[in-house]
Structure formats: C-alpha cells, structure tokens
Amino acid sequence: MNSYVKTDTVLDKILAHKVEEIIVARKRLPLKAVQREAGDAAPPRDFLAALRRDTVSLIAEVKKASPSKGVLIENFDPVALAMAYATNGAAAISVLTDERFFQGHLDYLRAVRAAVDIPVLRKEFVIDAYQVYEGRAAGADAILLITAALDDSRLADLHALVLGLGMAALVEVHNESELERALKIVPHLIGVNNRDLKTFYEDLETTARLAQIVPRDVLLVAESAIRGAADVQRMGRYGARAVLVGESLVKAGNIPETVRELSSQRYEGAS
C-alpha cells in the first residue's frame, strides 16, 4: 500500500485512517472482484457535460456530518435529499462516502445513483486505485482527487485511471502551488476549495485568485464557503462554471427552495 502525502493538517488523520480502511476492504473483497464489479456497472453519465449550462451549475452534496461541525442534518435520508436536489435544478450530486469522519457510506452513493438521473460524484479521500474501482462499481460518474493528499505520480496515475473507466475527475486544489501541480496532468475539471486546510479560514477570493491561472478550456468548480445566491453569482463572475455546496443546503430551512435559488443564477463568465 503506497502512502499518502503528509500535509500537517486535519487531512493527515483522515488519510491515515483511510490506509487502514483500504487494507480491510481489500481483505473483504479483493481488487480483482471489485474490478469485475466496476466492469459490470451501468455506464457512467457525462458529469462534465452536465455542468455546462447557462446558469452556474449546482453540484449539491449529500452530507450528514463533518469533523468540525458534527451532525448537520437530523433524520438524514440520502435518497430523499438527492431527489429533492435533482427535481429542483441541481446539475449533479456529490455523495460523501467517508464513514469515520463524515458519517457517509458507499451504500448511500449506490442508492442515490439508482434514484436520480443526473450524474453522481464520489466525494472521498482517494489515495488508492482500489477506491476508484470501488466507486465505479457503486455507480459513481465522477471521483474527487485531492491534490494535497497525493504526490505527482499518484495524482497522474489515479487521474488516468478515473478517465480510463469513463468517469470524470474533479481535481481539487487549495492554492497556487497545488494548482500548478494539478495542471501538469491536463485535467478537464478543477475544483478550488475556498477553505484553508490548516486554519479552516474561508475566503471566496481564493477562487478569484486561482481562476486567473486556470486555462479557459478547464471547467472550474468553486467549493466551500458558498452560503447563498450572491455567492453563486460571485463565483460565476470569477469564472466558475459550477459550485459544490453541501452544508448550506442540508441546513437550509427549505431545501427545495434553496436548491432552486442556488441553481438558477445565470453564468456571466469571468469579468
């Protein structure tokens, strides 16, 4: 098992646990069996195409909890949540599958994928090819790759594997140095996380700054710290074609109305 990159952030604890999880998973279901399941899964939906709209596309997240905030939504029903997202204008759905820290599950992704007809992203701390095949076997149409957690070689290999299985790879970055590394693999999708991993400080200007470096032919997704329609409009002005929103949706008083509002902001392009 190859190791992950140490970041001196909260990510290290999560990734250390992920190593143990993968060892257990491989014993329970060998890689070859997961590869067979991935080959038998329904073909991936086009995640990238789903994000190309006249509006700033909303990737709505099915998220029960987070390490910093605890449980975000009581009476958590991933399928009901996903259906509310899909029927009210979300372009795609992100499903957190990490169990230990976010109280997610791969079964949530399976159930959501079967219930909706829009693409589904596996939101996971991916450090090994096993997780990519596992995601495809569960029906994932896209996989998150966190640049901070991966060295250049591993990032390139996992990115190639994701694309080779017909899925999209959302390559996440937090700063200029990570973006520079990510661009070496010529990604189709870049996600800019507006939350600093070390301080947890959130700054939407992170997207503004990094958007100036992202090539025009790479679709930009803004992540974290997006609270309302004004933030979505702002991300669109900076050049983000999509936003990934979790906490603000699951904690909303009226989830369908919030989804309609966030998914109806016209994309004006970078100013």
Protein backbone atom coordinates (compact mmCIF):
# COMPACT_ATOMS: atom_id res chain seq x y z
CA MET A 1 0.00 0.00 0.00
CA ASN A 2 1.56 3.29 -1.06
CA SER A 3 1.35 6.09 1.44
CA TYR A 4 -0.30 9.45 1.08
CA VAL A 5 1.33 12.88 1.26
CA LYS A 6 1.52 14.33 4.76
CA THR A 7 0.07 17.83 4.88
CA ASP A 8 0.40 18.81 8.57
CA THR A 9 -3.34 19.43 8.56
CA VAL A 10 -6.51 17.63 9.69
CA LEU A 11 -6.24 15.71 6.42
CA ASP A 12 -3.40 13.57 7.82
CA LYS A 13 -5.62 11.93 10.46
CA ILE A 14 -8.27 11.17 7.84
CA LEU A 15 -5.76 9.75 5.36
CA ALA A 16 -4.05 7.60 7.98
CA HIS A 17 -7.40 6.03 8.78
CA LYS A 18 -8.10 5.64 5.05
CA VAL A 19 -4.99 3.46 4.69
CA GLU A 20 -6.39 1.08 7.33
CA GLU A 21 -9.84 1.13 5.72
CA ILE A 22 -8.46 0.10 2.34
CA ILE A 23 -6.49 -2.79 3.86
CA VAL A 24 -9.69 -4.10 5.48
CA ALA A 25 -11.71 -3.57 2.29
CA ARG A 26 -9.17 -5.46 0.17
CA LYS A 27 -9.38 -8.44 2.54
CA ARG A 28 -13.16 -8.40 2.43
CA LEU A 29 -13.36 -8.02 -1.35
CA PRO A 30 -10.16 -8.49 -3.41
CA LEU A 31 -9.20 -5.95 -6.07
CA LYS A 32 -9.99 -8.31 -8.95
CA ALA A 33 -13.53 -8.78 -7.68
CA VAL A 34 -14.04 -5.01 -7.39
CA GLN A 35 -12.64 -4.56 -10.89
CA ARG A 36 -15.18 -7.09 -12.19
CA GLU A 37 -17.99 -5.22 -10.44
CA ALA A 38 -16.78 -1.95 -11.92
CA GLY A 39 -16.82 -3.52 -15.39
CA ASP A 40 -20.38 -4.73 -14.87
CA ALA A 41 -21.72 -1.39 -13.59
CA ALA A 42 -24.06 0.77 -15.68
CA PRO A 43 -22.09 3.14 -17.97
CA PRO A 44 -21.07 6.47 -16.42
CA ARG A 45 -23.22 9.54 -17.01
CA ASP A 46 -21.45 12.55 -18.51
CA PHE A 47 -20.56 14.63 -15.46
CA LEU A 48 -18.67 17.28 -17.43
CA ALA A 49 -21.49 17.86 -19.92
CA ALA A 50 -24.00 18.16 -17.07
CA LEU A 51 -22.09 21.17 -15.72
CA ARG A 52 -22.24 23.13 -18.97
CA ARG A 53 -25.38 25.24 -18.56
CA ASP A 54 -26.46 28.83 -18.98
CA THR A 55 -26.57 29.00 -15.20
CA VAL A 56 -23.78 28.41 -12.70
CA SER A 57 -24.30 24.68 -12.24
CA LEU A 58 -25.02 23.38 -8.75
CA ILE A 59 -23.31 20.21 -7.52
CA ALA A 60 -25.49 19.54 -4.47
CA GLU A 61 -23.93 17.48 -1.72
CA VAL A 62 -25.48 14.65 0.29
CA LYS A 63 -23.70 15.24 3.59
CA LYS A 64 -24.70 14.13 7.07
CA ALA A 65 -21.83 15.41 9.20
CA SER A 66 -18.35 16.93 9.25
CA PRO A 67 -15.44 16.61 11.71
CA SER A 68 -15.62 20.29 12.64
CA LYS A 69 -19.41 20.81 12.78
CA GLY A 70 -20.68 17.38 13.83
CA VAL A 71 -24.09 16.21 12.59
CA LEU A 72 -25.52 18.74 10.14
CA ILE A 73 -28.92 17.20 9.47
CA GLU A 74 -31.07 15.05 11.75
CA ASN A 75 -33.32 12.35 10.24
CA PHE A 76 -30.78 12.01 7.42
CA ASP A 77 -32.26 10.36 4.33
CA PRO A 78 -29.72 10.41 1.49
CA VAL A 79 -32.17 9.33 -1.22
CA ALA A 80 -34.88 11.84 -0.25
CA LEU A 81 -32.23 14.55 -0.12
CA ALA A 82 -30.81 13.62 -3.51
CA MET A 83 -34.26 13.52 -5.09
CA ALA A 84 -35.03 16.97 -3.71
CA TYR A 85 -31.78 18.20 -5.27
CA ALA A 86 -32.40 16.55 -8.64
CA THR A 87 -36.02 17.68 -9.00
CA ASN A 88 -35.26 21.28 -8.11
CA GLY A 89 -32.46 22.04 -10.53
CA ALA A 90 -29.16 20.56 -9.33
CA ALA A 91 -26.89 19.64 -12.24
CA ALA A 92 -25.13 16.85 -10.35
CA ILE A 93 -24.96 15.32 -6.89
CA SER A 94 -21.96 14.79 -4.63
CA VAL A 95 -22.19 11.96 -2.10
CA LEU A 96 -19.79 11.80 0.83
CA THR A 97 -18.79 8.18 1.30
CA ASP A 98 -16.32 8.53 4.19
CA GLU A 99 -17.77 6.73 7.23
CA ARG A 100 -15.40 7.54 10.08
CA PHE A 101 -15.29 11.34 9.86
CA PHE A 102 -18.34 12.36 7.80
CA GLN A 103 -20.79 9.57 8.66
CA GLY A 104 -21.17 8.77 4.98
CA HIS A 105 -21.29 5.38 3.26
CA LEU A 106 -20.71 3.90 -0.18
CA ASP A 107 -24.21 2.44 0.01
CA TYR A 108 -25.57 6.00 0.05
CA LEU A 109 -23.95 6.56 -3.34
CA ARG A 110 -25.43 3.31 -4.71
CA ALA A 111 -28.90 4.28 -3.52
CA VAL A 112 -28.67 7.85 -4.78
CA ARG A 113 -27.36 6.78 -8.20
CA ALA A 114 -30.32 4.41 -8.58
CA ALA A 115 -32.83 7.10 -7.57
CA VAL A 116 -31.78 10.05 -9.76
CA ASP A 117 -30.95 10.54 -13.42
CA ILE A 118 -28.23 13.19 -13.05
CA PRO A 119 -24.51 12.38 -12.56
CA VAL A 120 -23.13 11.49 -9.14
CA LEU A 121 -19.69 12.33 -7.72
CA ARG A 122 -17.96 10.13 -5.15
CA LYS A 123 -16.68 12.59 -2.53
CA GLU A 124 -13.95 10.62 -0.85
CA PHE A 125 -10.32 10.82 0.26
CA VAL A 126 -8.92 8.80 -2.61
CA ILE A 127 -5.34 7.57 -2.27
CA ASP A 128 -5.53 4.17 -3.95
CA ALA A 129 -6.79 2.65 -7.22
CA TYR A 130 -8.99 0.30 -5.19
CA GLN A 131 -11.20 3.27 -4.20
CA VAL A 132 -11.59 4.32 -7.84
CA TYR A 133 -12.78 0.86 -8.91
CA GLU A 134 -14.94 0.68 -5.79
CA GLY A 135 -16.57 3.99 -6.71
CA ARG A 136 -17.25 2.90 -10.30
CA ALA A 137 -18.68 -0.40 -9.05
CA ALA A 138 -21.09 1.59 -6.87
CA GLY A 139 -22.17 3.68 -9.86
CA ALA A 140 -20.03 6.80 -9.48
CA ASP A 141 -19.89 9.02 -12.56
CA ALA A 142 -17.07 11.18 -11.16
CA ILE A 143 -14.37 10.87 -8.50
CA LEU A 144 -12.81 13.58 -6.33
CA LEU A 145 -8.99 13.70 -6.30
CA ILE A 146 -7.45 15.95 -3.64
CA THR A 147 -4.12 17.27 -4.92
CA ALA A 148 -2.83 17.98 -1.39
CA ALA A 149 -3.13 14.29 -0.48
CA LEU A 150 -1.28 12.89 -3.50
CA ASP A 151 2.23 13.15 -4.91
CA ASP A 152 2.61 14.00 -8.60
CA SER A 153 2.97 10.39 -9.73
CA ARG A 154 -0.01 9.11 -7.76
CA LEU A 155 -2.19 12.05 -8.86
CA ALA A 156 -1.36 11.36 -12.51
CA ASP A 157 -1.98 7.61 -12.18
CA LEU A 158 -5.31 7.96 -10.39
CA HIS A 159 -6.44 10.68 -12.79
CA ALA A 160 -5.66 8.43 -15.75
CA LEU A 161 -7.50 5.52 -14.14
CA VAL A 162 -10.61 7.60 -13.43
CA LEU A 163 -10.74 8.80 -17.04
CA GLY A 164 -9.94 5.33 -18.34
CA LEU A 165 -13.04 3.99 -16.58
CA GLY A 166 -15.15 6.62 -18.32
CA MET A 167 -15.66 8.85 -15.30
CA ALA A 168 -14.78 12.50 -14.71
CA ALA A 169 -12.12 13.52 -12.18
CA LEU A 170 -12.72 16.60 -10.07
CA VAL A 171 -9.17 17.63 -9.17
CA GLU A 172 -9.28 19.75 -6.02
CA VAL A 173 -6.75 22.45 -5.13
CA HIS A 174 -6.41 24.99 -2.31
CA ASN A 175 -3.66 27.32 -3.51
CA GLU A 176 -1.35 28.28 -6.37
CA SER A 177 1.27 25.60 -5.78
CA GLU A 178 -1.34 22.83 -5.77
CA LEU A 179 -2.93 24.28 -8.91
CA GLU A 180 0.44 24.33 -10.66
CA ARG A 181 0.87 20.63 -9.81
CA ALA A 182 -2.67 19.76 -10.88
CA LEU A 183 -2.37 21.46 -14.25
CA LYS A 184 0.53 19.15 -15.18
CA ILE A 185 -1.93 16.28 -15.63
CA VAL A 186 -4.06 18.39 -18.03
CA PRO A 187 -7.34 17.99 -16.12
CA HIS A 188 -10.78 18.69 -17.55
CA LEU A 189 -12.13 19.79 -14.16
CA ILE A 190 -10.51 21.82 -11.39
CA GLY A 191 -12.18 22.37 -8.04
CA VAL A 192 -10.98 25.31 -5.96
CA ASN A 193 -11.63 24.78 -2.25
CA ASN A 194 -12.08 28.14 -0.55
CA ARG A 195 -11.28 26.66 2.88
CA ASP A 196 -7.70 26.66 4.13
CA LEU A 197 -6.87 23.18 5.46
CA LYS A 198 -4.55 24.46 8.17
CA THR A 199 -6.63 27.32 9.59
CA PHE A 200 -10.14 26.43 8.34
CA TYR A 201 -10.37 30.07 7.29
CA GLU A 202 -12.76 30.51 4.36
CA ASP A 203 -12.15 33.08 1.64
CA LEU A 204 -14.10 33.23 -1.61
CA GLU A 205 -11.29 35.32 -3.07
CA THR A 206 -9.29 32.08 -3.31
CA THR A 207 -11.43 31.21 -6.33
CA ALA A 208 -10.92 34.71 -7.77
CA ARG A 209 -7.16 34.38 -7.45
CA LEU A 210 -6.79 30.88 -8.84
CA ALA A 211 -9.35 31.37 -11.63
CA GLN A 212 -6.86 33.73 -13.31
CA ILE A 213 -4.42 30.81 -13.69
CA VAL A 214 -6.89 28.11 -14.76
CA PRO A 215 -6.87 27.65 -18.55
CA ARG A 216 -10.09 28.59 -20.34
CA ASP A 217 -10.70 25.05 -21.54
CA VAL A 218 -10.69 23.66 -17.98
CA LEU A 219 -14.07 23.75 -16.25
CA LEU A 220 -13.77 25.47 -12.87
CA VAL A 221 -15.78 24.44 -9.81
CA ALA A 222 -15.85 26.60 -6.67
CA GLU A 223 -16.10 24.67 -3.40
CA SER A 224 -16.77 25.62 0.25
CA ALA A 225 -17.99 28.83 1.89
CA ILE A 226 -20.86 29.31 -0.58
CA ARG A 227 -23.84 30.43 1.50
CA GLY A 228 -26.36 31.93 -0.90
CA ALA A 229 -27.31 33.18 -4.36
CA ALA A 230 -25.00 36.21 -4.13
CA ASP A 231 -22.02 33.92 -3.53
CA VAL A 232 -23.01 31.76 -6.52
CA GLN A 233 -23.23 34.87 -8.72
CA ARG A 234 -19.85 36.00 -7.46
CA MET A 235 -18.24 32.63 -8.24
CA GLY A 236 -19.73 32.81 -11.73
CA ARG A 237 -18.26 36.27 -12.28
CA TYR A 238 -14.86 34.88 -11.28
CA GLY A 239 -15.20 32.20 -13.95
CA ALA A 240 -16.57 29.21 -12.03
CA ARG A 241 -18.98 27.24 -14.21
CA ALA A 242 -20.19 25.29 -11.17
CA VAL A 243 -20.33 25.41 -7.38
CA LEU A 244 -20.25 22.50 -4.95
CA VAL A 245 -22.48 23.18 -1.94
CA GLY A 246 -23.19 20.91 1.00
CA GLU A 247 -23.59 22.43 4.43
CA SER A 248 -25.70 25.41 3.29
CA LEU A 249 -28.14 23.05 1.59
CA VAL A 250 -28.59 20.38 4.26
CA LYS A 251 -29.02 23.06 6.94
CA ALA A 252 -31.47 25.14 4.91
CA GLY A 253 -34.96 25.60 6.32
CA ASN A 254 -36.47 24.93 2.90
CA ILE A 255 -34.13 22.67 0.93
CA PRO A 256 -36.07 22.57 -2.39
CA GLU A 257 -36.40 26.36 -2.45
CA THR A 258 -32.70 26.82 -1.64
CA VAL A 259 -31.70 24.41 -4.42
CA ARG A 260 -33.89 26.31 -6.91
CA GLU A 261 -32.35 29.60 -5.86
CA LEU A 262 -28.73 28.44 -5.98
CA SER A 263 -29.15 26.60 -9.29
CA SER A 264 -30.83 29.46 -11.16
CA GLN A 265 -28.02 32.03 -11.13
CA ARG A 266 -27.04 32.88 -14.68
CA TYR A 267 -23.42 32.26 -15.65
CA GLU A 268 -21.92 35.55 -16.84
CA GLY A 269 -18.36 34.32 -17.19
CA ALA A 270 -15.18 35.86 -15.85
CA SER A 271 -15.24 39.66 -15.95
